[in-house]
Amino acid sequence: MPRQTTTQRRSLLLAAVRGGDSSIPRLADRFGVSPSTIRRDLAELAREGHVVRTYGGALDTGPGVERTLREKDEINADEKNAVARAAAELVGDGEVVLLDAGTTTGRLAHHLADRAGLTVVTNGLSVLLALADSPDVEVVVLGGRLRHPNEAILGGTVQRQLRHIRPDRVFLGTDGLTAARGLCCPTLEQAELKHAMLHAGGEPYVLVDHSKLDSAPFAYFSPLDRPHTVIVDAGGPASARAPFRDLPGCTLRTVPV
């Protein structure tokens, strides 16, 4: 293969991963570079949100591909942590908060683990695990069916239980966010549940890293039809955040990483 620029190689590398080739040794041989170069390329593609790094290779994160919670947690980890930390600072002592299932909400739970007097209501296994060893945080788990691969608890029982709870704040996660349609979800059931969560409490927040802005990898949406705040990291182009600055009912909060 003729020698390519780094940009050209990474573009072809991404195409190879999306074609199903995830082995570092095979990719190194295919592109005529060292395995360490392939690892650096994959690390950069992962930082940009195009792939998820795995042991020995990478996985595609392209449209329509739903990854496990662990795989998604590796994408833009620093950015997600910055968003979660900013969200935790909004939670006051003694509040009741509703945390959606997801990677960033799981990180938010981690930042709340040492707080006392909080009540956390959740349908997310990642939230539950983050707070399992926190005796001073009361955890209410919405009961239903555990869905893989995103480890969310779903079902009619979850929606019915929401009717009996009035949290002070609601923190929602999403697989994508558009100004026109709201939260992008892999299933209709999840879209309906997120909409119910949005209207369940006082102050609603959407937690996203910058790669999810103007992204719609799935066909189902939950409209953000009440005033809300989007908390996002400062990465990516400013143009991706611009539609949300002018969106009626939306307050955009950008946090540094």
C-alpha atoms as a PDB file:
ATOM      1  CA  MET A   1       0.000   0.000   0.000  1.00  0.00           C
ATOM      2  CA  PRO A   2       1.438   3.435  -0.922  1.00  0.00           C
ATOM      3  CA  ARG A   3       2.517   5.559   2.012  1.00  0.00           C
ATOM      4  CA  GLN A   4      -0.284   7.833   3.224  1.00  0.00           C
ATOM      5  CA  THR A   5      -0.562  10.874   5.378  1.00  0.00           C
ATOM      6  CA  THR A   6      -1.740  10.380   8.955  1.00  0.00           C
ATOM      7  CA  THR A   7      -5.137  11.843   8.075  1.00  0.00           C
ATOM      8  CA  GLN A   8      -5.548   9.540   5.087  1.00  0.00           C
ATOM      9  CA  ARG A   9      -4.468   6.489   7.087  1.00  0.00           C
ATOM     10  CA  ARG A  10      -6.892   7.247   9.916  1.00  0.00           C
ATOM     11  CA  SER A  11      -9.745   7.710   7.474  1.00  0.00           C
ATOM     12  CA  LEU A  12      -8.995   4.333   5.885  1.00  0.00           C
ATOM     13  CA  LEU A  13      -8.483   2.798   9.323  1.00  0.00           C
ATOM     14  CA  LEU A  14     -11.926   3.963  10.421  1.00  0.00           C
ATOM     15  CA  ALA A  15     -13.423   2.428   7.278  1.00  0.00           C
ATOM     16  CA  ALA A  16     -11.617  -0.838   8.060  1.00  0.00           C
ATOM     17  CA  VAL A  17     -12.955  -0.931  11.631  1.00  0.00           C
ATOM     18  CA  ARG A  18     -16.473  -0.210  10.366  1.00  0.00           C
ATOM     19  CA  GLY A  19     -15.977  -3.060   7.931  1.00  0.00           C
ATOM     20  CA  GLY A  20     -15.358  -5.423  10.837  1.00  0.00           C
ATOM     21  CA  ASP A  21     -11.557  -5.572  11.032  1.00  0.00           C
ATOM     22  CA  SER A  22     -10.569  -4.730  14.618  1.00  0.00           C
ATOM     23  CA  SER A  23      -7.302  -6.626  15.086  1.00  0.00           C
ATOM     24  CA  ILE A  24      -4.311  -4.367  15.718  1.00  0.00           C
ATOM     25  CA  PRO A  25      -1.759  -6.826  14.236  1.00  0.00           C
ATOM     26  CA  ARG A  26      -3.843  -7.262  11.061  1.00  0.00           C
ATOM     27  CA  LEU A  27      -4.426  -3.527  10.740  1.00  0.00           C
ATOM     28  CA  ALA A  28      -0.711  -2.813  11.229  1.00  0.00           C
ATOM     29  CA  ASP A  29       0.157  -5.299   8.485  1.00  0.00           C
ATOM     30  CA  ARG A  30      -2.569  -3.949   6.213  1.00  0.00           C
ATOM     31  CA  PHE A  31      -1.394  -0.337   6.488  1.00  0.00           C
ATOM     32  CA  GLY A  32       2.320  -1.080   6.621  1.00  0.00           C
ATOM     33  CA  VAL A  33       2.898   0.615   9.978  1.00  0.00           C
ATOM     34  CA  SER A  34       3.794  -0.560  13.466  1.00  0.00           C
ATOM     35  CA  PRO A  35       1.190  -1.792  15.971  1.00  0.00           C
ATOM     36  CA  SER A  36       2.050   1.195  18.184  1.00  0.00           C
ATOM     37  CA  THR A  37       1.104   3.555  15.334  1.00  0.00           C
ATOM     38  CA  ILE A  38      -2.227   1.769  14.929  1.00  0.00           C
ATOM     39  CA  ARG A  39      -2.819   2.069  18.688  1.00  0.00           C
ATOM     40  CA  ARG A  40      -2.164   5.823  18.519  1.00  0.00           C
ATOM     41  CA  ASP A  41      -4.496   6.149  15.536  1.00  0.00           C
ATOM     42  CA  LEU A  42      -7.238   4.221  17.314  1.00  0.00           C
ATOM     43  CA  ALA A  43      -6.744   6.284  20.463  1.00  0.00           C
ATOM     44  CA  GLU A  44      -7.267   9.467  18.452  1.00  0.00           C
ATOM     45  CA  LEU A  45     -10.320   8.039  16.669  1.00  0.00           C
ATOM     46  CA  ALA A  46     -11.704   7.037  20.067  1.00  0.00           C
ATOM     47  CA  ARG A  47     -11.056  10.528  21.465  1.00  0.00           C
ATOM     48  CA  GLU A  48     -13.078  11.948  18.576  1.00  0.00           C
ATOM     49  CA  GLY A  49     -15.909   9.509  19.313  1.00  0.00           C
ATOM     50  CA  HIS A  50     -15.635   7.464  16.107  1.00  0.00           C
ATOM     51  CA  VAL A  51     -14.655   4.156  17.732  1.00  0.00           C
ATOM     52  CA  VAL A  52     -14.489   2.516  21.145  1.00  0.00           C
ATOM     53  CA  ARG A  53     -11.102   1.128  22.139  1.00  0.00           C
ATOM     54  CA  THR A  54     -11.160  -2.486  23.257  1.00  0.00           C
ATOM     55  CA  TYR A  55      -8.511  -4.930  24.356  1.00  0.00           C
ATOM     56  CA  GLY A  56      -6.602  -5.687  21.168  1.00  0.00           C
ATOM     57  CA  GLY A  57      -8.571  -3.443  18.822  1.00  0.00           C
ATOM     58  CA  ALA A  58     -11.598  -1.181  18.442  1.00  0.00           C
ATOM     59  CA  LEU A  59     -15.332  -1.153  17.738  1.00  0.00           C
ATOM     60  CA  ASP A  60     -17.352   1.116  15.479  1.00  0.00           C
ATOM     61  CA  THR A  61     -19.686   3.693  17.038  1.00  0.00           C
ATOM     62  CA  GLY A  62     -21.412   4.609  13.785  1.00  0.00           C
ATOM     63  CA  PRO A  63     -25.132   5.361  13.310  1.00  0.00           C
ATOM     64  CA  GLY A  64     -27.483   2.557  14.312  1.00  0.00           C
ATOM     65  CA  VAL A  65     -24.805   0.691  16.271  1.00  0.00           C
ATOM     66  CA  GLU A  66     -25.783   0.308  19.920  1.00  0.00           C
ATOM     67  CA  ARG A  67     -22.851  -0.469  22.180  1.00  0.00           C
ATOM     68  CA  THR A  68     -22.729  -1.819  25.692  1.00  0.00           C
ATOM     69  CA  LEU A  69     -22.584   0.569  28.611  1.00  0.00           C
ATOM     70  CA  ARG A  70     -18.947  -0.331  29.233  1.00  0.00           C
ATOM     71  CA  GLU A  71     -17.998   0.371  25.633  1.00  0.00           C
ATOM     72  CA  LYS A  72     -19.799   3.725  25.651  1.00  0.00           C
ATOM     73  CA  ASP A  73     -18.212   4.683  28.955  1.00  0.00           C
ATOM     74  CA  GLU A  74     -14.795   4.680  27.256  1.00  0.00           C
ATOM     75  CA  ILE A  75     -15.844   7.320  24.710  1.00  0.00           C
ATOM     76  CA  ASN A  76     -14.919  10.892  25.742  1.00  0.00           C
ATOM     77  CA  ALA A  77     -14.433   9.778  29.337  1.00  0.00           C
ATOM     78  CA  ASP A  78     -12.813  13.053  30.492  1.00  0.00           C
ATOM     79  CA  GLU A  79     -15.583  15.098  28.905  1.00  0.00           C
ATOM     80  CA  LYS A  80     -18.307  12.994  30.522  1.00  0.00           C
ATOM     81  CA  ASN A  81     -16.633  13.312  33.888  1.00  0.00           C
ATOM     82  CA  ALA A  82     -16.465  17.112  33.570  1.00  0.00           C
ATOM     83  CA  VAL A  83     -20.188  17.248  32.738  1.00  0.00           C
ATOM     84  CA  ALA A  84     -21.037  14.912  35.630  1.00  0.00           C
ATOM     85  CA  ARG A  85     -18.950  16.945  38.070  1.00  0.00           C
ATOM     86  CA  ALA A  86     -20.723  20.162  37.027  1.00  0.00           C
ATOM     87  CA  ALA A  87     -24.108  18.462  37.430  1.00  0.00           C
ATOM     88  CA  ALA A  88     -23.201  17.222  40.923  1.00  0.00           C
ATOM     89  CA  GLU A  89     -22.456  20.785  42.009  1.00  0.00           C
ATOM     90  CA  LEU A  90     -26.096  21.701  41.297  1.00  0.00           C
ATOM     91  CA  VAL A  91     -27.502  19.143  43.723  1.00  0.00           C
ATOM     92  CA  GLY A  92     -28.326  20.604  47.121  1.00  0.00           C
ATOM     93  CA  ASP A  93     -28.295  18.870  50.495  1.00  0.00           C
ATOM     94  CA  GLY A  94     -31.387  16.839  51.223  1.00  0.00           C
ATOM     95  CA  GLU A  95     -32.694  16.873  47.655  1.00  0.00           C
ATOM     96  CA  VAL A  96     -34.453  14.069  45.841  1.00  0.00           C
ATOM     97  CA  VAL A  97     -32.926  13.559  42.394  1.00  0.00           C
ATOM     98  CA  LEU A  98     -33.951  11.320  39.499  1.00  0.00           C
ATOM     99  CA  LEU A  99     -31.070   9.862  37.494  1.00  0.00           C
ATOM    100  CA  ASP A 100     -31.660   8.288  34.107  1.00  0.00           C
ATOM    101  CA  ALA A 101     -29.717   5.216  33.003  1.00  0.00           C
ATOM    102  CA  GLY A 102     -26.467   5.956  31.168  1.00  0.00           C
ATOM    103  CA  THR A 103     -22.743   6.484  31.383  1.00  0.00           C
ATOM    104  CA  THR A 104     -22.695  10.186  32.283  1.00  0.00           C
ATOM    105  CA  THR A 105     -25.474   9.779  34.845  1.00  0.00           C
ATOM    106  CA  GLY A 106     -23.470   6.898  36.295  1.00  0.00           C
ATOM    107  CA  ARG A 107     -20.508   9.248  36.664  1.00  0.00           C
ATOM    108  CA  LEU A 108     -22.802  11.808  38.280  1.00  0.00           C
ATOM    109  CA  ALA A 109     -23.823   9.162  40.832  1.00  0.00           C
ATOM    110  CA  HIS A 110     -20.147   8.575  41.567  1.00  0.00           C
ATOM    111  CA  HIS A 111     -19.734  12.287  42.375  1.00  0.00           C
ATOM    112  CA  LEU A 112     -22.740  12.110  44.703  1.00  0.00           C
ATOM    113  CA  ALA A 113     -21.588   8.985  46.526  1.00  0.00           C
ATOM    114  CA  ASP A 114     -19.984  10.855  49.452  1.00  0.00           C
ATOM    115  CA  ARG A 115     -22.934  13.187  50.022  1.00  0.00           C
ATOM    116  CA  ALA A 116     -25.249  12.768  52.990  1.00  0.00           C
ATOM    117  CA  GLY A 117     -29.018  13.145  53.112  1.00  0.00           C
ATOM    118  CA  LEU A 118     -29.696  12.703  49.403  1.00  0.00           C
ATOM    119  CA  THR A 119     -32.329  10.478  47.871  1.00  0.00           C
ATOM    120  CA  VAL A 120     -31.470   9.159  44.407  1.00  0.00           C
ATOM    121  CA  VAL A 121     -34.187   7.565  42.285  1.00  0.00           C
ATOM    122  CA  THR A 122     -32.942   5.687  39.230  1.00  0.00           C
ATOM    123  CA  ASN A 123     -33.639   3.128  36.527  1.00  0.00           C
ATOM    124  CA  GLY A 124     -29.934   2.698  35.764  1.00  0.00           C
ATOM    125  CA  LEU A 125     -27.717  -0.156  36.870  1.00  0.00           C
ATOM    126  CA  SER A 126     -24.608   2.054  36.598  1.00  0.00           C
ATOM    127  CA  VAL A 127     -26.152   4.515  39.075  1.00  0.00           C
ATOM    128  CA  LEU A 128     -27.091   1.729  41.459  1.00  0.00           C
ATOM    129  CA  LEU A 129     -23.588   0.266  41.415  1.00  0.00           C
ATOM    130  CA  ALA A 130     -21.981   3.686  41.962  1.00  0.00           C
ATOM    131  CA  LEU A 131     -24.076   4.229  45.098  1.00  0.00           C
ATOM    132  CA  ALA A 132     -24.180   0.681  46.450  1.00  0.00           C
ATOM    133  CA  ASP A 133     -21.561   1.446  49.128  1.00  0.00           C
ATOM    134  CA  SER A 134     -22.972   4.847  50.126  1.00  0.00           C
ATOM    135  CA  PRO A 135     -24.907   4.334  53.386  1.00  0.00           C
ATOM    136  CA  ASP A 136     -25.798   8.038  53.663  1.00  0.00           C
ATOM    137  CA  VAL A 137     -27.525   8.155  50.268  1.00  0.00           C
ATOM    138  CA  GLU A 138     -30.989   6.642  50.049  1.00  0.00           C
ATOM    139  CA  VAL A 139     -31.332   4.831  46.729  1.00  0.00           C
ATOM    140  CA  VAL A 140     -34.741   4.084  45.212  1.00  0.00           C
ATOM    141  CA  VAL A 141     -34.566   1.678  42.265  1.00  0.00           C
ATOM    142  CA  LEU A 142     -37.450   1.789  39.803  1.00  0.00           C
ATOM    143  CA  GLY A 143     -38.406  -1.835  39.261  1.00  0.00           C
ATOM    144  CA  GLY A 144     -38.916  -3.445  35.900  1.00  0.00           C
ATOM    145  CA  ARG A 145     -37.056  -5.370  33.187  1.00  0.00           C
ATOM    146  CA  LEU A 146     -33.292  -4.967  32.790  1.00  0.00           C
ATOM    147  CA  ARG A 147     -32.497  -4.154  29.162  1.00  0.00           C
ATOM    148  CA  HIS A 148     -29.216  -5.004  27.525  1.00  0.00           C
ATOM    149  CA  PRO A 149     -26.905  -3.606  26.272  1.00  0.00           C
ATOM    150  CA  ASN A 150     -27.460  -0.263  28.025  1.00  0.00           C
ATOM    151  CA  GLU A 151     -28.385  -1.729  31.440  1.00  0.00           C
ATOM    152  CA  ALA A 152     -31.532   0.372  31.801  1.00  0.00           C
ATOM    153  CA  ILE A 153     -34.523  -0.830  33.786  1.00  0.00           C
ATOM    154  CA  LEU A 154     -37.644  -0.462  31.650  1.00  0.00           C
ATOM    155  CA  GLY A 155     -41.287  -1.444  31.552  1.00  0.00           C
ATOM    156  CA  GLY A 156     -44.747  -0.289  32.493  1.00  0.00           C
ATOM    157  CA  THR A 157     -43.985  -0.651  36.196  1.00  0.00           C
ATOM    158  CA  VAL A 158     -41.232   1.976  35.905  1.00  0.00           C
ATOM    159  CA  GLN A 159     -43.620   4.490  34.345  1.00  0.00           C
ATOM    160  CA  ARG A 160     -46.286   3.807  36.955  1.00  0.00           C
ATOM    161  CA  GLN A 161     -43.836   4.285  39.821  1.00  0.00           C
ATOM    162  CA  LEU A 162     -42.782   7.644  38.393  1.00  0.00           C
ATOM    163  CA  ARG A 163     -46.289   8.950  39.011  1.00  0.00           C
ATOM    164  CA  HIS A 164     -45.681   8.700  42.768  1.00  0.00           C
ATOM    165  CA  ILE A 165     -42.372  10.615  42.824  1.00  0.00           C
ATOM    166  CA  ARG A 166     -41.697  14.355  42.589  1.00  0.00           C
ATOM    167  CA  PRO A 167     -37.892  14.784  42.487  1.00  0.00           C
ATOM    168  CA  ASP A 168     -36.255  18.189  42.876  1.00  0.00           C
ATOM    169  CA  ARG A 169     -34.042  17.602  39.827  1.00  0.00           C
ATOM    170  CA  VAL A 170     -34.043  15.209  36.880  1.00  0.00           C
ATOM    171  CA  PHE A 171     -30.840  14.284  35.045  1.00  0.00           C
ATOM    172  CA  LEU A 172     -31.282  12.657  31.642  1.00  0.00           C
ATOM    173  CA  GLY A 173     -28.785  10.926  29.395  1.00  0.00           C
ATOM    174  CA  THR A 174     -29.103  10.319  25.670  1.00  0.00           C
ATOM    175  CA  ASP A 175     -27.488   8.652  22.661  1.00  0.00           C
ATOM    176  CA  GLY A 176     -27.871  11.841  20.620  1.00  0.00           C
ATOM    177  CA  LEU A 177     -29.358  15.308  20.893  1.00  0.00           C
ATOM    178  CA  THR A 178     -30.836  17.537  18.204  1.00  0.00           C
ATOM    179  CA  ALA A 179     -32.372  20.981  18.551  1.00  0.00           C
ATOM    180  CA  ALA A 180     -35.295  19.980  16.342  1.00  0.00           C
ATOM    181  CA  ARG A 181     -36.323  16.661  17.882  1.00  0.00           C
ATOM    182  CA  GLY A 182     -34.713  16.331  21.315  1.00  0.00           C
ATOM    183  CA  LEU A 183     -33.278  13.136  22.819  1.00  0.00           C
ATOM    184  CA  CYS A 184     -32.416  10.310  20.417  1.00  0.00           C
ATOM    185  CA  CYS A 185     -33.105   6.805  21.755  1.00  0.00           C
ATOM    186  CA  PRO A 186     -32.531   3.240  20.502  1.00  0.00           C
ATOM    187  CA  THR A 187     -36.112   2.130  21.261  1.00  0.00           C
ATOM    188  CA  LEU A 188     -39.583   3.654  21.410  1.00  0.00           C
ATOM    189  CA  GLU A 189     -39.985   2.376  24.970  1.00  0.00           C
ATOM    190  CA  GLN A 190     -36.938   4.329  26.119  1.00  0.00           C
ATOM    191  CA  ALA A 191     -38.066   7.466  24.315  1.00  0.00           C
ATOM    192  CA  GLU A 192     -41.402   7.323  26.117  1.00  0.00           C
ATOM    193  CA  LEU A 193     -39.742   6.741  29.499  1.00  0.00           C
ATOM    194  CA  LYS A 194     -37.340   9.660  29.088  1.00  0.00           C
ATOM    195  CA  HIS A 195     -40.273  11.913  28.259  1.00  0.00           C
ATOM    196  CA  ALA A 196     -42.043  10.772  31.421  1.00  0.00           C
ATOM    197  CA  MET A 197     -38.869  11.453  33.418  1.00  0.00           C
ATOM    198  CA  LEU A 198     -38.561  14.916  31.881  1.00  0.00           C
ATOM    199  CA  HIS A 199     -41.974  15.808  33.274  1.00  0.00           C
ATOM    200  CA  ALA A 200     -41.610  13.962  36.591  1.00  0.00           C
ATOM    201  CA  GLY A 201     -39.796  16.583  38.631  1.00  0.00           C
ATOM    202  CA  GLY A 202     -38.661  20.126  39.189  1.00  0.00           C
ATOM    203  CA  GLU A 203     -35.524  21.102  37.267  1.00  0.00           C
ATOM    204  CA  PRO A 204     -34.676  18.892  34.240  1.00  0.00           C
ATOM    205  CA  TYR A 205     -31.135  18.616  32.867  1.00  0.00           C
ATOM    206  CA  VAL A 206     -29.710  16.810  29.844  1.00  0.00           C
ATOM    207  CA  LEU A 207     -26.123  15.580  30.275  1.00  0.00           C
ATOM    208  CA  VAL A 208     -24.120  15.085  27.078  1.00  0.00           C
ATOM    209  CA  ASP A 209     -20.576  15.138  25.814  1.00  0.00           C
ATOM    210  CA  HIS A 210     -19.976  17.231  22.700  1.00  0.00           C
ATOM    211  CA  SER A 211     -19.967  14.246  20.310  1.00  0.00           C
ATOM    212  CA  LYS A 212     -23.712  13.759  20.898  1.00  0.00           C
ATOM    213  CA  LEU A 213     -24.758  17.236  19.753  1.00  0.00           C
ATOM    214  CA  ASP A 214     -26.646  17.221  16.447  1.00  0.00           C
ATOM    215  CA  SER A 215     -26.394  13.430  16.469  1.00  0.00           C
ATOM    216  CA  ALA A 216     -29.284  11.065  15.747  1.00  0.00           C
ATOM    217  CA  PRO A 217     -28.008   7.476  15.517  1.00  0.00           C
ATOM    218  CA  PHE A 218     -31.458   5.943  16.066  1.00  0.00           C
ATOM    219  CA  ALA A 219     -35.008   6.473  14.819  1.00  0.00           C
ATOM    220  CA  TYR A 220     -36.769   7.284  18.109  1.00  0.00           C
ATOM    221  CA  PHE A 221     -36.932  10.626  19.910  1.00  0.00           C
ATOM    222  CA  SER A 222     -38.130  12.125  23.155  1.00  0.00           C
ATOM    223  CA  PRO A 223     -39.123  15.793  22.679  1.00  0.00           C
ATOM    224  CA  LEU A 224     -37.785  18.313  25.183  1.00  0.00           C
ATOM    225  CA  ASP A 225     -41.088  20.133  25.496  1.00  0.00           C
ATOM    226  CA  ARG A 226     -40.543  21.900  28.805  1.00  0.00           C
ATOM    227  CA  PRO A 227     -37.825  24.333  29.974  1.00  0.00           C
ATOM    228  CA  HIS A 228     -34.571  22.475  30.559  1.00  0.00           C
ATOM    229  CA  THR A 229     -30.808  22.883  30.800  1.00  0.00           C
ATOM    230  CA  VAL A 230     -28.283  21.115  28.569  1.00  0.00           C
ATOM    231  CA  ILE A 231     -24.889  20.604  30.225  1.00  0.00           C
ATOM    232  CA  VAL A 232     -22.132  19.852  27.712  1.00  0.00           C
ATOM    233  CA  ASP A 233     -18.353  19.994  27.639  1.00  0.00           C
ATOM    234  CA  ALA A 234     -16.545  22.699  25.681  1.00  0.00           C
ATOM    235  CA  GLY A 235     -15.040  20.315  23.121  1.00  0.00           C
ATOM    236  CA  GLY A 236     -15.905  20.201  19.439  1.00  0.00           C
ATOM    237  CA  PRO A 237     -16.878  23.109  17.191  1.00  0.00           C
ATOM    238  CA  ALA A 238     -18.867  26.011  18.620  1.00  0.00           C
ATOM    239  CA  SER A 239     -21.231  25.681  15.655  1.00  0.00           C
ATOM    240  CA  ALA A 240     -22.568  22.419  17.120  1.00  0.00           C
ATOM    241  CA  ARG A 241     -23.691  24.249  20.264  1.00  0.00           C
ATOM    242  CA  ALA A 242     -25.129  27.288  18.461  1.00  0.00           C
ATOM    243  CA  PRO A 243     -28.619  25.830  17.723  1.00  0.00           C
ATOM    244  CA  PHE A 244     -29.154  25.154  21.419  1.00  0.00           C
ATOM    245  CA  ARG A 245     -28.231  28.687  22.458  1.00  0.00           C
ATOM    246  CA  ASP A 246     -31.180  30.092  20.512  1.00  0.00           C
ATOM    247  CA  LEU A 247     -33.617  27.267  21.257  1.00  0.00           C
ATOM    248  CA  PRO A 248     -36.722  28.419  23.176  1.00  0.00           C
ATOM    249  CA  GLY A 249     -36.928  26.813  26.598  1.00  0.00           C
ATOM    250  CA  CYS A 250     -33.323  25.588  26.485  1.00  0.00           C
ATOM    251  CA  THR A 251     -30.510  26.891  28.664  1.00  0.00           C
ATOM    252  CA  LEU A 252     -27.068  25.788  27.480  1.00  0.00           C
ATOM    253  CA  ARG A 253     -24.306  25.413  30.047  1.00  0.00           C
ATOM    254  CA  THR A 254     -20.827  24.678  28.684  1.00  0.00           C
ATOM    255  CA  VAL A 255     -18.188  23.316  31.071  1.00  0.00           C
ATOM    256  CA  PRO A 256     -14.404  23.092  30.597  1.00  0.00           C
ATOM    257  CA  VAL A 257     -12.688  19.716  30.607  1.00  0.00           C
END
